[in-house]
């Protein structure tokens, strides 16, 4: 996962996710929803995304799987070389945080 300033929109953040060799890249902002198709991960499908820096060290991403009742909020907290992702789905159990390190 990579977060970087968008080269297309000064108010957006470019989110790149690579899972199982499949890469998704999208610009997200806290002022609009970006529709797209999630190809990477265990649940590919149509999504709408919105996200922004909610603290100096935290990026919050909202993912809506449109045409379904499922949404999730991901809080990505950065500390030194560590990233902790907390997932809050709208239904079902809350999974444990995922902790990763910078490559």
N, C-alpha and C. Protein backbone atom coordinates (compact mmCIF):
# COMPACT_ATOMS: atom_id res chain seq x y z
N UNK A 1 0.84 -1.16 0.00
CA UNK A 1 0.00 0.00 0.00
C UNK A 1 0.89 1.24 0.00
N UNK A 2 0.50 2.20 -0.83
CA UNK A 2 1.23 3.45 -0.90
C UNK A 2 0.24 4.61 -0.92
N UNK A 3 0.52 5.64 -0.15
CA UNK A 3 -0.24 6.89 -0.18
C UNK A 3 0.73 7.98 -0.63
N UNK A 4 0.29 8.79 -1.60
CA UNK A 4 1.14 9.88 -2.10
C UNK A 4 0.24 11.02 -2.55
N UNK A 5 0.77 12.24 -2.56
CA UNK A 5 -0.04 13.35 -3.09
C UNK A 5 -0.41 13.05 -4.55
N UNK A 6 -1.64 13.36 -4.91
CA UNK A 6 -2.10 13.13 -6.28
C UNK A 6 -1.39 14.08 -7.23
N UNK A 7 -1.02 13.57 -8.39
CA UNK A 7 -0.42 14.42 -9.41
C UNK A 7 -1.50 15.10 -10.25
N UNK A 8 -2.76 14.66 -10.11
CA UNK A 8 -3.87 15.21 -10.90
C UNK A 8 -4.71 16.22 -10.13
N UNK A 9 -4.79 16.07 -8.80
CA UNK A 9 -5.68 16.89 -7.98
C UNK A 9 -4.95 17.26 -6.69
N UNK A 10 -4.70 18.54 -6.49
CA UNK A 10 -3.91 18.96 -5.32
C UNK A 10 -4.62 18.68 -4.00
N UNK A 11 -5.94 18.47 -4.02
CA UNK A 11 -6.66 18.17 -2.79
C UNK A 11 -6.87 16.70 -2.55
N UNK A 12 -6.29 15.85 -3.40
CA UNK A 12 -6.51 14.41 -3.30
C UNK A 12 -5.23 13.67 -2.93
N UNK A 13 -5.40 12.43 -2.53
CA UNK A 13 -4.30 11.53 -2.22
C UNK A 13 -4.39 10.33 -3.14
N UNK A 14 -3.26 9.96 -3.74
CA UNK A 14 -3.23 8.77 -4.59
C UNK A 14 -3.02 7.55 -3.71
N UNK A 15 -3.95 6.61 -3.79
CA UNK A 15 -3.89 5.37 -3.03
C UNK A 15 -3.57 4.24 -4.00
N UNK A 16 -2.50 3.52 -3.73
CA UNK A 16 -2.13 2.35 -4.53
C UNK A 16 -2.09 1.14 -3.61
N UNK A 17 -2.78 0.09 -4.01
CA UNK A 17 -2.81 -1.16 -3.24
C UNK A 17 -2.44 -2.29 -4.18
N UNK A 18 -1.53 -3.15 -3.73
CA UNK A 18 -1.15 -4.32 -4.52
C UNK A 18 -1.34 -5.56 -3.64
N UNK A 19 -2.22 -6.45 -4.10
CA UNK A 19 -2.51 -7.68 -3.36
C UNK A 19 -2.45 -8.84 -4.34
N UNK A 20 -1.65 -9.84 -4.03
CA UNK A 20 -1.55 -11.02 -4.88
C UNK A 20 -1.12 -10.70 -6.30
N UNK A 21 -0.28 -9.69 -6.46
CA UNK A 21 0.22 -9.33 -7.78
C UNK A 21 -0.71 -8.44 -8.58
N UNK A 22 -1.91 -8.14 -8.04
CA UNK A 22 -2.87 -7.27 -8.72
C UNK A 22 -2.83 -5.90 -8.06
N UNK A 23 -2.70 -4.85 -8.89
CA UNK A 23 -2.55 -3.50 -8.36
C UNK A 23 -3.77 -2.65 -8.71
N UNK A 24 -4.26 -1.91 -7.71
CA UNK A 24 -5.31 -0.91 -7.89
C UNK A 24 -4.72 0.44 -7.53
N UNK A 25 -5.08 1.47 -8.32
CA UNK A 25 -4.61 2.84 -8.03
C UNK A 25 -5.77 3.79 -8.26
N UNK A 26 -6.00 4.69 -7.29
CA UNK A 26 -7.10 5.65 -7.40
C UNK A 26 -6.76 6.90 -6.61
N UNK A 27 -7.24 8.04 -7.07
CA UNK A 27 -7.14 9.29 -6.32
C UNK A 27 -8.38 9.42 -5.46
N UNK A 28 -8.20 9.70 -4.17
CA UNK A 28 -9.33 9.87 -3.27
C UNK A 28 -9.21 11.20 -2.55
N UNK A 29 -10.37 11.77 -2.21
CA UNK A 29 -10.39 13.00 -1.43
C UNK A 29 -11.55 12.95 -0.46
N UNK A 30 -11.52 13.83 0.50
CA UNK A 30 -12.58 13.89 1.50
C UNK A 30 -13.76 14.73 1.04
N UNK A 31 -13.70 15.29 -0.17
CA UNK A 31 -14.78 16.16 -0.64
C UNK A 31 -15.61 15.53 -1.76
N UNK A 32 -15.25 14.33 -2.19
CA UNK A 32 -16.00 13.69 -3.28
C UNK A 32 -15.82 12.18 -3.20
N UNK A 33 -16.71 11.47 -3.87
CA UNK A 33 -16.63 10.02 -3.97
C UNK A 33 -16.06 9.66 -5.32
N UNK A 34 -15.14 8.72 -5.35
CA UNK A 34 -14.55 8.24 -6.60
C UNK A 34 -15.07 6.83 -6.84
N UNK A 35 -15.76 6.64 -7.95
CA UNK A 35 -16.26 5.32 -8.31
C UNK A 35 -15.20 4.55 -9.07
N UNK A 36 -15.19 3.25 -8.85
CA UNK A 36 -14.23 2.44 -9.57
C UNK A 36 -14.49 0.96 -9.35
N UNK A 37 -13.54 0.17 -9.77
CA UNK A 37 -13.63 -1.27 -9.59
C UNK A 37 -12.41 -1.74 -8.83
N UNK A 38 -12.64 -2.39 -7.71
CA UNK A 38 -11.55 -2.97 -6.93
C UNK A 38 -11.24 -4.32 -7.54
N UNK A 39 -10.00 -4.47 -8.01
CA UNK A 39 -9.59 -5.73 -8.63
C UNK A 39 -8.75 -6.57 -7.68
N UNK A 40 -8.00 -5.90 -6.80
CA UNK A 40 -7.12 -6.61 -5.86
C UNK A 40 -7.90 -7.05 -4.63
N UNK A 41 -7.40 -8.07 -3.99
CA UNK A 41 -7.97 -8.50 -2.72
C UNK A 41 -8.97 -9.63 -2.84
N UNK A 42 -9.50 -10.04 -1.69
CA UNK A 42 -10.38 -11.21 -1.66
C UNK A 42 -11.81 -10.93 -2.13
N UNK A 43 -12.21 -9.65 -2.24
CA UNK A 43 -13.59 -9.33 -2.61
C UNK A 43 -13.62 -8.27 -3.70
N UNK A 44 -13.22 -8.63 -4.93
CA UNK A 44 -13.24 -7.64 -6.01
C UNK A 44 -14.68 -7.22 -6.33
N UNK A 45 -14.82 -6.02 -6.88
CA UNK A 45 -16.15 -5.55 -7.27
C UNK A 45 -16.19 -4.04 -7.37
N UNK A 46 -17.39 -3.53 -7.65
CA UNK A 46 -17.59 -2.10 -7.81
C UNK A 46 -17.58 -1.40 -6.45
N UNK A 47 -16.86 -0.28 -6.39
CA UNK A 47 -16.73 0.46 -5.13
C UNK A 47 -16.82 1.96 -5.39
N UNK A 48 -17.12 2.68 -4.31
CA UNK A 48 -17.00 4.13 -4.28
C UNK A 48 -16.10 4.43 -3.09
N UNK A 49 -15.13 5.33 -3.28
CA UNK A 49 -14.13 5.61 -2.26
C UNK A 49 -14.08 7.09 -1.92
N UNK A 50 -13.85 7.37 -0.66
CA UNK A 50 -13.61 8.73 -0.20
C UNK A 50 -12.60 8.62 0.93
N UNK A 51 -11.64 9.53 0.99
CA UNK A 51 -10.64 9.44 2.04
C UNK A 51 -9.89 10.73 2.21
N UNK A 52 -9.34 10.90 3.41
CA UNK A 52 -8.59 12.12 3.71
C UNK A 52 -7.72 11.89 4.94
N UNK A 53 -6.75 12.79 5.11
CA UNK A 53 -5.93 12.78 6.32
C UNK A 53 -6.78 13.37 7.44
N UNK A 54 -7.08 12.55 8.46
CA UNK A 54 -7.91 12.98 9.58
C UNK A 54 -7.08 13.38 10.78
N UNK A 55 -5.79 13.14 10.73
CA UNK A 55 -4.81 13.58 11.72
C UNK A 55 -3.46 13.58 11.00
N UNK A 56 -2.47 14.15 11.61
CA UNK A 56 -1.15 14.24 10.97
C UNK A 56 -0.59 12.86 10.63
N UNK A 57 -0.97 11.84 11.40
CA UNK A 57 -0.43 10.50 11.20
C UNK A 57 -1.49 9.47 10.79
N UNK A 58 -2.72 9.94 10.44
CA UNK A 58 -3.81 9.00 10.18
C UNK A 58 -4.56 9.36 8.90
N UNK A 59 -4.68 8.38 8.00
CA UNK A 59 -5.48 8.52 6.79
C UNK A 59 -6.71 7.64 6.97
N UNK A 60 -7.89 8.21 6.77
CA UNK A 60 -9.14 7.46 6.91
C UNK A 60 -9.78 7.29 5.54
N UNK A 61 -10.10 6.04 5.21
CA UNK A 61 -10.66 5.69 3.91
C UNK A 61 -12.03 5.05 4.11
N UNK A 62 -13.02 5.57 3.39
CA UNK A 62 -14.37 4.98 3.38
C UNK A 62 -14.53 4.22 2.07
N UNK A 63 -14.97 2.98 2.16
CA UNK A 63 -15.19 2.15 0.98
C UNK A 63 -16.64 1.67 0.99
N UNK A 64 -17.37 2.00 -0.05
CA UNK A 64 -18.76 1.55 -0.21
C UNK A 64 -18.80 0.60 -1.40
N UNK A 65 -19.25 -0.59 -1.15
CA UNK A 65 -19.43 -1.56 -2.24
C UNK A 65 -20.83 -1.32 -2.79
N UNK A 66 -20.90 -0.46 -3.84
CA UNK A 66 -22.23 -0.08 -4.29
C UNK A 66 -22.91 -1.25 -4.98
N UNK A 67 -24.23 -1.16 -4.93
CA UNK A 67 -25.13 -2.24 -5.32
C UNK A 67 -25.11 -3.38 -4.31
N UNK A 68 -24.53 -3.11 -3.14
CA UNK A 68 -24.56 -4.05 -2.00
C UNK A 68 -24.82 -3.20 -0.75
N UNK A 69 -25.11 -3.83 0.38
CA UNK A 69 -25.30 -3.07 1.62
C UNK A 69 -24.00 -2.91 2.42
N UNK A 70 -22.84 -3.21 1.85
CA UNK A 70 -21.62 -3.27 2.62
C UNK A 70 -20.73 -2.04 2.47
N UNK A 71 -20.28 -1.55 3.61
CA UNK A 71 -19.34 -0.44 3.66
C UNK A 71 -18.27 -0.76 4.70
N UNK A 72 -17.15 -0.08 4.61
CA UNK A 72 -16.09 -0.26 5.62
C UNK A 72 -15.31 1.04 5.74
N UNK A 73 -14.84 1.31 6.94
CA UNK A 73 -13.96 2.44 7.20
C UNK A 73 -12.61 1.86 7.62
N UNK A 74 -11.57 2.35 6.96
CA UNK A 74 -10.20 1.91 7.26
C UNK A 74 -9.44 3.10 7.83
N UNK A 75 -8.92 2.95 9.03
CA UNK A 75 -8.06 3.99 9.61
C UNK A 75 -6.64 3.48 9.56
N UNK A 76 -5.80 4.21 8.80
CA UNK A 76 -4.41 3.83 8.60
C UNK A 76 -3.55 4.79 9.41
N UNK A 77 -2.93 4.27 10.46
CA UNK A 77 -2.12 5.10 11.35
C UNK A 77 -0.64 4.78 11.15
N UNK A 78 0.13 5.83 10.88
CA UNK A 78 1.55 5.71 10.61
C UNK A 78 2.34 6.12 11.84
N UNK A 79 3.33 5.32 12.20
CA UNK A 79 4.21 5.61 13.33
C UNK A 79 5.59 5.07 12.99
N UNK A 80 6.55 5.98 12.81
CA UNK A 80 7.90 5.60 12.38
C UNK A 80 7.81 4.74 11.12
N UNK A 81 8.27 3.50 11.15
CA UNK A 81 8.22 2.62 9.99
C UNK A 81 7.07 1.62 10.06
N UNK A 82 6.07 1.89 10.90
CA UNK A 82 4.96 0.96 11.11
C UNK A 82 3.64 1.57 10.65
N UNK A 83 2.82 0.75 10.02
CA UNK A 83 1.47 1.13 9.61
C UNK A 83 0.50 0.17 10.29
N UNK A 84 -0.48 0.73 11.00
CA UNK A 84 -1.53 -0.07 11.62
C UNK A 84 -2.85 0.28 10.94
N UNK A 85 -3.53 -0.73 10.41
CA UNK A 85 -4.81 -0.52 9.74
C UNK A 85 -5.91 -1.14 10.59
N UNK A 86 -6.85 -0.29 11.01
CA UNK A 86 -8.03 -0.76 11.73
C UNK A 86 -9.21 -0.70 10.78
N UNK A 87 -9.97 -1.79 10.70
CA UNK A 87 -11.11 -1.89 9.80
C UNK A 87 -12.39 -1.90 10.62
N UNK A 88 -13.35 -1.08 10.19
CA UNK A 88 -14.66 -1.02 10.84
C UNK A 88 -15.73 -1.26 9.78
N UNK A 89 -16.17 -2.53 9.62
CA UNK A 89 -17.25 -2.80 8.66
C UNK A 89 -18.59 -2.37 9.24
N UNK A 90 -19.58 -2.14 8.37
CA UNK A 90 -20.90 -1.75 8.87
C UNK A 90 -21.68 -2.94 9.42
N UNK A 91 -21.30 -4.15 9.03
CA UNK A 91 -21.94 -5.36 9.58
C UNK A 91 -20.87 -6.42 9.82
N UNK A 92 -21.16 -7.34 10.72
CA UNK A 92 -20.24 -8.45 10.97
C UNK A 92 -19.19 -8.11 12.00
N UNK A 93 -18.33 -9.07 12.27
CA UNK A 93 -17.30 -8.88 13.29
C UNK A 93 -16.23 -7.89 12.84
N UNK A 94 -15.64 -7.22 13.81
CA UNK A 94 -14.53 -6.30 13.54
C UNK A 94 -13.24 -7.10 13.54
N UNK A 95 -12.51 -7.13 12.44
CA UNK A 95 -11.27 -7.90 12.39
C UNK A 95 -10.19 -7.23 13.23
N UNK A 96 -9.20 -8.00 13.66
CA UNK A 96 -8.09 -7.40 14.41
C UNK A 96 -7.29 -6.46 13.52
N UNK A 97 -6.60 -5.49 14.11
CA UNK A 97 -5.77 -4.58 13.31
C UNK A 97 -4.68 -5.34 12.54
N UNK A 98 -4.34 -4.80 11.38
CA UNK A 98 -3.25 -5.33 10.57
C UNK A 98 -2.06 -4.39 10.75
N UNK A 99 -0.90 -4.95 11.06
CA UNK A 99 0.30 -4.14 11.27
C UNK A 99 1.33 -4.51 10.21
N UNK A 100 1.85 -3.48 9.55
CA UNK A 100 2.85 -3.69 8.52
C UNK A 100 4.05 -2.78 8.73
N UNK A 101 5.11 -3.08 8.04
CA UNK A 101 6.34 -2.27 8.14
C UNK A 101 6.75 -1.79 6.77
N UNK A 102 7.40 -0.64 6.74
CA UNK A 102 7.88 -0.05 5.49
C UNK A 102 8.91 -0.96 4.85
N UNK A 103 8.82 -1.12 3.53
CA UNK A 103 9.79 -1.91 2.79
C UNK A 103 10.94 -1.03 2.37
